[in-house]
Structures are given as C-alpha cells and as structure tokens.
Amino acid sequence: DTDADQARKMIGYLPENPPLYPDMTVDEYLGFVY
C-alpha cells in the first residue's frame, strides 16, 4: 500500500483469465508488456 511501485516490481501476476491481446503475435505482446 505505502510502497506500491517498489512492491509491484517484485510481483509477476497470472490472473485466472490471462490479460492477452489476441491480435498481437507472442513477441509483440511480450514487447508491449516489457
């Protein structure tokens, strides 16, 4: 809560329904996430 930015850098989150962009290639999507 108080150090949100630093704490979230430590987390990789896979929700039950992955937040994908279906019209992108895998490389394009991962570059976007990067």
All heavy atoms as atom14 arrays in JSON, in Angstrom:
{
  "sequence": "DTDADQARKMIGYLPENPPLYPDMTVDEYLGFVY",
  "atom14_mask": [
    [1, 1, 1, 1, 1, 1, 1, 1, 0, 0, 0, 0, 0, 0],
    [1, 1, 1, 1, 1, 1, 1, 0, 0, 0, 0, 0, 0, 0],
    [1, 1, 1, 1, 1, 1, 1, 1, 0, 0, 0, 0, 0, 0],
    [1, 1, 1, 1, 1, 0, 0, 0, 0, 0, 0, 0, 0, 0],
    [1, 1, 1, 1, 1, 1, 1, 1, 0, 0, 0, 0, 0, 0],
    [1, 1, 1, 1, 1, 1, 1, 1, 1, 0, 0, 0, 0, 0],
    [1, 1, 1, 1, 1, 0, 0, 0, 0, 0, 0, 0, 0, 0],
    [1, 1, 1, 1, 1, 1, 1, 1, 1, 1, 1, 0, 0, 0],
    [1, 1, 1, 1, 1, 1, 1, 1, 1, 0, 0, 0, 0, 0],
    [1, 1, 1, 1, 1, 1, 1, 1, 0, 0, 0, 0, 0, 0],
    [1, 1, 1, 1, 1, 1, 1, 1, 0, 0, 0, 0, 0, 0],
    [1, 1, 1, 1, 0, 0, 0, 0, 0, 0, 0, 0, 0, 0],
    [1, 1, 1, 1, 1, 1, 1, 1, 1, 1, 1, 1, 0, 0],
    [1, 1, 1, 1, 1, 1, 1, 1, 0, 0, 0, 0, 0, 0],
    [1, 1, 1, 1, 1, 1, 1, 0, 0, 0, 0, 0, 0, 0],
    [1, 1, 1, 1, 1, 1, 1, 1, 1, 0, 0, 0, 0, 0],
    [1, 1, 1, 1, 1, 1, 1, 1, 0, 0, 0, 0, 0, 0],
    [1, 1, 1, 1, 1, 1, 1, 0, 0, 0, 0, 0, 0, 0],
    [1, 1, 1, 1, 1, 1, 1, 0, 0, 0, 0, 0, 0, 0],
    [1, 1, 1, 1, 1, 1, 1, 1, 0, 0, 0, 0, 0, 0],
    [1, 1, 1, 1, 1, 1, 1, 1, 1, 1, 1, 1, 0, 0],
    [1, 1, 1, 1, 1, 1, 1, 0, 0, 0, 0, 0, 0, 0],
    [1, 1, 1, 1, 1, 1, 1, 1, 0, 0, 0, 0, 0, 0],
    [1, 1, 1, 1, 1, 1, 1, 1, 0, 0, 0, 0, 0, 0],
    [1, 1, 1, 1, 1, 1, 1, 0, 0, 0, 0, 0, 0, 0],
    [1, 1, 1, 1, 1, 1, 1, 0, 0, 0, 0, 0, 0, 0],
    [1, 1, 1, 1, 1, 1, 1, 1, 0, 0, 0, 0, 0, 0],
    [1, 1, 1, 1, 1, 1, 1, 1, 1, 0, 0, 0, 0, 0],
    [1, 1, 1, 1, 1, 1, 1, 1, 1, 1, 1, 1, 0, 0],
    [1, 1, 1, 1, 1, 1, 1, 1, 0, 0, 0, 0, 0, 0],
    [1, 1, 1, 1, 0, 0, 0, 0, 0, 0, 0, 0, 0, 0],
    [1, 1, 1, 1, 1, 1, 1, 1, 1, 1, 1, 0, 0, 0],
    [1, 1, 1, 1, 1, 1, 1, 0, 0, 0, 0, 0, 0, 0],
    [1, 1, 1, 1, 1, 1, 1, 1, 1, 1, 1, 1, 0, 0]
  ],
  "atom14_positions": [
    [[0.82, -1.21, 0.0], [0.0, 0.0, 0.0], [0.86, 1.27, 0.0], [0.71, 2.14, -0.85], [-0.93, -0.01, 1.22], [-1.96, 1.12, 1.17], [-2.28, 1.57, 0.06], [-2.42, 1.53, 2.25], [0.0, 0.0, 0.0], [0.0, 0.0, 0.0], [0.0, 0.0, 0.0], [0.0, 0.0, 0.0], [0.0, 0.0, 0.0], [0.0, 0.0, 0.0]],
    [[1.81, 1.34, 0.92], [2.6, 2.57, 1.05], [3.81, 2.61, 0.12], [4.31, 3.69, -0.19], [3.07, 2.74, 2.52], [3.86, 1.6, 2.89], [1.87, 2.86, 3.46], [0.0, 0.0, 0.0], [0.0, 0.0, 0.0], [0.0, 0.0, 0.0], [0.0, 0.0, 0.0], [0.0, 0.0, 0.0], [0.0, 0.0, 0.0], [0.0, 0.0, 0.0]],
    [[4.32, 1.43, -0.3], [5.45, 1.37, -1.24], [5.03, 0.59, -2.48], [5.71, -0.34, -2.92], [6.66, 0.68, -0.59], [7.1, 1.37, 0.69], [7.38, 2.57, 0.63], [7.14, 0.69, 1.73], [0.0, 0.0, 0.0], [0.0, 0.0, 0.0], [0.0, 0.0, 0.0], [0.0, 0.0, 0.0], [0.0, 0.0, 0.0], [0.0, 0.0, 0.0]],
    [[3.89, 0.98, -3.05], [3.24, 0.19, -4.1], [4.15, -0.05, -5.3], [4.25, -1.18, -5.8], [1.95, 0.87, -4.53], [0.0, 0.0, 0.0], [0.0, 0.0, 0.0], [0.0, 0.0, 0.0], [0.0, 0.0, 0.0], [0.0, 0.0, 0.0], [0.0, 0.0, 0.0], [0.0, 0.0, 0.0], [0.0, 0.0, 0.0], [0.0, 0.0, 0.0]],
    [[4.82, 0.97, -5.79], [5.63, 0.82, -7.0], [6.75, -0.17, -6.8], [7.0, -1.04, -7.64], [6.19, 2.18, -7.44], [5.12, 3.12, -7.98], [4.03, 2.61, -8.33], [5.37, 4.34, -8.06], [0.0, 0.0, 0.0], [0.0, 0.0, 0.0], [0.0, 0.0, 0.0], [0.0, 0.0, 0.0], [0.0, 0.0, 0.0], [0.0, 0.0, 0.0]],
    [[7.47, -0.06, -5.68], [8.57, -0.98, -5.41], [8.07, -2.4, -5.17], [8.68, -3.38, -5.62], [9.37, -0.49, -4.2], [10.12, 0.81, -4.42], [11.13, 0.7, -5.55], [11.81, -0.31, -5.7], [11.24, 1.76, -6.35], [0.0, 0.0, 0.0], [0.0, 0.0, 0.0], [0.0, 0.0, 0.0], [0.0, 0.0, 0.0], [0.0, 0.0, 0.0]],
    [[6.95, -2.52, -4.45], [6.4, -3.85, -4.15], [5.95, -4.55, -5.42], [6.2, -5.75, -5.62], [5.24, -3.72, -3.17], [0.0, 0.0, 0.0], [0.0, 0.0, 0.0], [0.0, 0.0, 0.0], [0.0, 0.0, 0.0], [0.0, 0.0, 0.0], [0.0, 0.0, 0.0], [0.0, 0.0, 0.0], [0.0, 0.0, 0.0], [0.0, 0.0, 0.0]],
    [[5.31, -3.8, -6.33], [4.78, -4.42, -7.55], [5.88, -4.84, -8.51], [5.68, -5.73, -9.34], [3.81, -3.46, -8.23], [2.47, -3.4, -7.5], [1.58, -2.33, -8.06], [0.32, -2.27, -7.31], [-0.48, -1.23, -7.3], [-0.17, -0.15, -7.99], [-1.6, -1.25, -6.61], [0.0, 0.0, 0.0], [0.0, 0.0, 0.0], [0.0, 0.0, 0.0]],
    [[7.04, -4.21, -8.43], [8.17, -4.64, -9.25], [8.61, -6.06, -8.89], [9.26, -6.74, -9.69], [9.35, -3.68, -9.08], [9.17, -2.34, -9.79], [10.38, -1.44, -9.58], [10.19, -0.09, -10.26], [11.34, 0.82, -10.02], [0.0, 0.0, 0.0], [0.0, 0.0, 0.0], [0.0, 0.0, 0.0], [0.0, 0.0, 0.0], [0.0, 0.0, 0.0]],
    [[8.28, -6.49, -7.69], [8.68, -7.81, -7.22], [7.69, -8.89, -7.63], [7.95, -10.07, -7.41], [8.81, -7.8, -5.7], [9.86, -6.85, -5.17], [9.97, -6.91, -3.37], [10.5, -8.59, -3.1], [0.0, 0.0, 0.0], [0.0, 0.0, 0.0], [0.0, 0.0, 0.0], [0.0, 0.0, 0.0], [0.0, 0.0, 0.0], [0.0, 0.0, 0.0]],
    [[6.54, -8.5, -8.22], [5.44, -9.44, -8.46], [5.23, -9.68, -9.95], [5.17, -8.75, -10.75], [4.12, -8.91, -7.86], [4.25, -8.69, -6.35], [2.98, -9.87, -8.15], [3.04, -8.01, -5.76], [0.0, 0.0, 0.0], [0.0, 0.0, 0.0], [0.0, 0.0, 0.0], [0.0, 0.0, 0.0], [0.0, 0.0, 0.0], [0.0, 0.0, 0.0]],
    [[5.08, -10.95, -10.3], [4.56, -11.34, -11.6], [3.23, -12.02, -11.36], [3.14, -12.96, -10.57], [0.0, 0.0, 0.0], [0.0, 0.0, 0.0], [0.0, 0.0, 0.0], [0.0, 0.0, 0.0], [0.0, 0.0, 0.0], [0.0, 0.0, 0.0], [0.0, 0.0, 0.0], [0.0, 0.0, 0.0], [0.0, 0.0, 0.0], [0.0, 0.0, 0.0]],
    [[2.17, -11.54, -12.02], [0.81, -12.0, -11.7], [0.16, -12.64, -12.92], [0.08, -12.03, -13.99], [-0.02, -10.8, -11.23], [-1.44, -11.12, -10.83], [-1.8, -12.32, -10.23], [-2.46, -10.17, -11.04], [-3.11, -12.59, -9.86], [-3.77, -10.43, -10.65], [-4.08, -11.64, -10.07], [-5.38, -11.9, -9.71], [0.0, 0.0, 0.0], [0.0, 0.0, 0.0]],
    [[-0.31, -13.86, -12.75], [-1.12, -14.53, -13.77], [-2.52, -14.7, -13.22], [-2.77, -15.59, -12.41], [-0.53, -15.91, -14.11], [-1.39, -16.78, -15.05], [-1.53, -16.12, -16.42], [-0.79, -18.18, -15.18], [0.0, 0.0, 0.0], [0.0, 0.0, 0.0], [0.0, 0.0, 0.0], [0.0, 0.0, 0.0], [0.0, 0.0, 0.0], [0.0, 0.0, 0.0]],
    [[-3.47, -13.83, -13.64], [-4.85, -13.99, -13.17], [-5.49, -15.21, -13.83], [-4.93, -15.81, -14.76], [-5.54, -12.69, -13.61], [-4.69, -12.15, -14.69], [-3.3, -12.67, -14.5], [0.0, 0.0, 0.0], [0.0, 0.0, 0.0], [0.0, 0.0, 0.0], [0.0, 0.0, 0.0], [0.0, 0.0, 0.0], [0.0, 0.0, 0.0], [0.0, 0.0, 0.0]],
    [[-6.68, -15.57, -13.34], [-7.36, -16.77, -13.86], [-7.6, -16.65, -15.36], [-7.48, -17.63, -16.1], [-8.69, -16.97, -13.12], [-9.39, -18.25, -13.49], [-10.6, -18.52, -12.62], [-10.76, -17.86, -11.58], [-11.41, -19.39, -13.01], [0.0, 0.0, 0.0], [0.0, 0.0, 0.0], [0.0, 0.0, 0.0], [0.0, 0.0, 0.0], [0.0, 0.0, 0.0]],
    [[-7.96, -15.45, -15.83], [-8.12, -15.2, -17.26], [-6.97, -14.3, -17.7], [-6.98, -13.1, -17.43], [-9.46, -14.53, -17.54], [-10.63, -15.42, -17.16], [-10.72, -16.55, -17.6], [-11.51, -14.92, -16.3], [0.0, 0.0, 0.0], [0.0, 0.0, 0.0], [0.0, 0.0, 0.0], [0.0, 0.0, 0.0], [0.0, 0.0, 0.0], [0.0, 0.0, 0.0]],
    [[-5.95, -14.84, -18.38], [-4.76, -14.05, -18.74], [-5.12, -12.81, -19.57], [-5.95, -12.89, -20.48], [-3.92, -15.03, -19.57], [-4.37, -16.38, -19.14], [-5.82, -16.24, -18.82], [0.0, 0.0, 0.0], [0.0, 0.0, 0.0], [0.0, 0.0, 0.0], [0.0, 0.0, 0.0], [0.0, 0.0, 0.0], [0.0, 0.0, 0.0], [0.0, 0.0, 0.0]],
    [[-4.51, -11.67, -19.29], [-4.82, -10.41, -19.98], [-4.09, -10.32, -21.32], [-3.07, -9.65, -21.44], [-4.31, -9.36, -18.99], [-3.15, -10.03, -18.31], [-3.5, -11.49, -18.24], [0.0, 0.0, 0.0], [0.0, 0.0, 0.0], [0.0, 0.0, 0.0], [0.0, 0.0, 0.0], [0.0, 0.0, 0.0], [0.0, 0.0, 0.0], [0.0, 0.0, 0.0]],
    [[-4.58, -11.03, -22.34], [-3.9, -11.11, -23.62], [-4.54, -10.2, -24.67], [-5.73, -9.88, -24.58], [-3.93, -12.56, -24.13], [-3.4, -13.63, -23.17], [-3.51, -15.0, -23.81], [-1.97, -13.34, -22.75], [0.0, 0.0, 0.0], [0.0, 0.0, 0.0], [0.0, 0.0, 0.0], [0.0, 0.0, 0.0], [0.0, 0.0, 0.0], [0.0, 0.0, 0.0]],
    [[-3.74, -9.82, -25.66], [-4.23, -9.11, -26.84], [-4.18, -10.1, -28.01], [-3.11, -10.35, -28.57], [-3.39, -7.88, -27.13], [-3.66, -6.75, -26.16], [-2.89, -6.59, -25.01], [-4.69, -5.84, -26.39], [-3.13, -5.56, -24.11], [-4.94, -4.8, -25.5], [-4.16, -4.67, -24.37], [-4.42, -3.66, -23.48], [0.0, 0.0, 0.0], [0.0, 0.0, 0.0]],
    [[-5.3, -10.67, -28.4], [-5.29, -11.8, -29.34], [-4.8, -11.46, -30.74], [-4.41, -12.35, -31.49], [-6.76, -12.24, -29.36], [-7.55, -11.08, -28.87], [-6.67, -10.38, -27.9], [0.0, 0.0, 0.0], [0.0, 0.0, 0.0], [0.0, 0.0, 0.0], [0.0, 0.0, 0.0], [0.0, 0.0, 0.0], [0.0, 0.0, 0.0], [0.0, 0.0, 0.0]],
    [[-4.82, -10.18, -31.14], [-4.38, -9.82, -32.49], [-2.87, -9.58, -32.59], [-2.35, -9.35, -33.68], [-5.11, -8.56, -32.98], [-6.6, -8.82, -33.18], [-6.93, -9.95, -33.6], [-7.42, -7.94, -32.91], [0.0, 0.0, 0.0], [0.0, 0.0, 0.0], [0.0, 0.0, 0.0], [0.0, 0.0, 0.0], [0.0, 0.0, 0.0], [0.0, 0.0, 0.0]],
    [[-2.18, -9.62, -31.46], [-0.73, -9.47, -31.47], [-0.05, -10.83, -31.6], [-0.62, -11.86, -31.25], [-0.24, -8.83, -30.16], [-0.58, -7.37, -29.99], [0.12, -6.77, -28.41], [-0.2, -5.01, -28.56], [0.0, 0.0, 0.0], [0.0, 0.0, 0.0], [0.0, 0.0, 0.0], [0.0, 0.0, 0.0], [0.0, 0.0, 0.0], [0.0, 0.0, 0.0]],
    [[1.18, -10.83, -32.11], [1.99, -12.03, -32.02], [2.51, -12.15, -30.59], [2.46, -11.19, -29.81], [3.19, -11.99, -32.99], [4.08, -10.95, -32.57], [2.74, -11.76, -34.41], [0.0, 0.0, 0.0], [0.0, 0.0, 0.0], [0.0, 0.0, 0.0], [0.0, 0.0, 0.0], [0.0, 0.0, 0.0], [0.0, 0.0, 0.0], [0.0, 0.0, 0.0]],
    [[3.03, -13.32, -30.25], [3.59, -13.52, -28.91], [4.71, -12.52, -28.66], [4.78, -11.89, -27.6], [4.12, -14.97, -28.76], [4.86, -15.14, -27.43], [2.97, -15.96, -28.85], [0.0, 0.0, 0.0], [0.0, 0.0, 0.0], [0.0, 0.0, 0.0], [0.0, 0.0, 0.0], [0.0, 0.0, 0.0], [0.0, 0.0, 0.0], [0.0, 0.0, 0.0]],
    [[5.6, -12.32, -29.64], [6.7, -11.39, -29.49], [6.22, -9.95, -29.28], [6.74, -9.22, -28.44], [7.61, -11.45, -30.71], [8.94, -12.13, -30.39], [9.2, -12.39, -29.2], [9.71, -12.4, -31.33], [0.0, 0.0, 0.0], [0.0, 0.0, 0.0], [0.0, 0.0, 0.0], [0.0, 0.0, 0.0], [0.0, 0.0, 0.0], [0.0, 0.0, 0.0]],
    [[5.21, -9.55, -30.09], [4.69, -8.19, -29.98], [4.07, -7.96, -28.6], [4.28, -6.92, -27.97], [3.64, -7.94, -31.06], [4.21, -7.82, -32.46], [3.14, -7.8, -33.53], [1.99, -8.23, -33.25], [3.45, -7.39, -34.67], [0.0, 0.0, 0.0], [0.0, 0.0, 0.0], [0.0, 0.0, 0.0], [0.0, 0.0, 0.0], [0.0, 0.0, 0.0]],
    [[3.33, -8.95, -28.14], [2.66, -8.81, -26.84], [3.68, -8.73, -25.7], [3.57, -7.87, -24.82], [1.72, -9.99, -26.62], [1.1, -10.02, -25.24], [0.19, -9.05, -24.84], [1.46, -11.01, -24.32], [-0.36, -9.07, -23.56], [0.92, -11.03, -23.05], [0.02, -10.06, -22.67], [-0.52, -10.07, -21.41], [0.0, 0.0, 0.0], [0.0, 0.0, 0.0]],
    [[4.67, -9.6, -25.72], [5.66, -9.58, -24.64], [6.5, -8.31, -24.69], [6.9, -7.79, -23.65], [6.55, -10.82, -24.73], [5.85, -12.17, -24.45], [6.84, -13.32, -24.57], [5.17, -12.18, -23.09], [0.0, 0.0, 0.0], [0.0, 0.0, 0.0], [0.0, 0.0, 0.0], [0.0, 0.0, 0.0], [0.0, 0.0, 0.0], [0.0, 0.0, 0.0]],
    [[6.73, -7.78, -25.9], [7.43, -6.5, -26.02], [6.6, -5.37, -25.44], [7.12, -4.45, -24.79], [0.0, 0.0, 0.0], [0.0, 0.0, 0.0], [0.0, 0.0, 0.0], [0.0, 0.0, 0.0], [0.0, 0.0, 0.0], [0.0, 0.0, 0.0], [0.0, 0.0, 0.0], [0.0, 0.0, 0.0], [0.0, 0.0, 0.0], [0.0, 0.0, 0.0]],
    [[5.28, -5.45, -25.63], [4.35, -4.47, -25.06], [4.39, -4.51, -23.54], [4.46, -3.49, -22.86], [2.95, -4.74, -25.6], [1.87, -3.93, -24.97], [1.83, -2.54, -25.09], [0.86, -4.55, -24.24], [0.82, -1.79, -24.51], [-0.16, -3.81, -23.66], [-0.17, -2.42, -23.79], [0.0, 0.0, 0.0], [0.0, 0.0, 0.0], [0.0, 0.0, 0.0]],
    [[4.35, -5.73, -22.99], [4.41, -5.9, -21.54], [5.75, -5.39, -21.0], [5.8, -4.74, -19.94], [4.19, -7.38, -21.16], [4.42, -7.61, -19.66], [2.8, -7.85, -21.56], [0.0, 0.0, 0.0], [0.0, 0.0, 0.0], [0.0, 0.0, 0.0], [0.0, 0.0, 0.0], [0.0, 0.0, 0.0], [0.0, 0.0, 0.0], [0.0, 0.0, 0.0]],
    [[6.82, -5.68, -21.72], [8.16, -5.2, -21.35], [8.15, -3.67, -21.19], [8.71, -3.12, -20.23], [9.16, -5.65, -22.41], [10.58, -5.19, -22.19], [11.5, -6.0, -21.54], [11.01, -3.95, -22.67], [12.81, -5.57, -21.35], [12.32, -3.52, -22.48], [13.22, -4.34, -21.82], [14.51, -3.92, -21.63], [0.0, 0.0, 0.0], [0.0, 0.0, 0.0]]
  ]
}
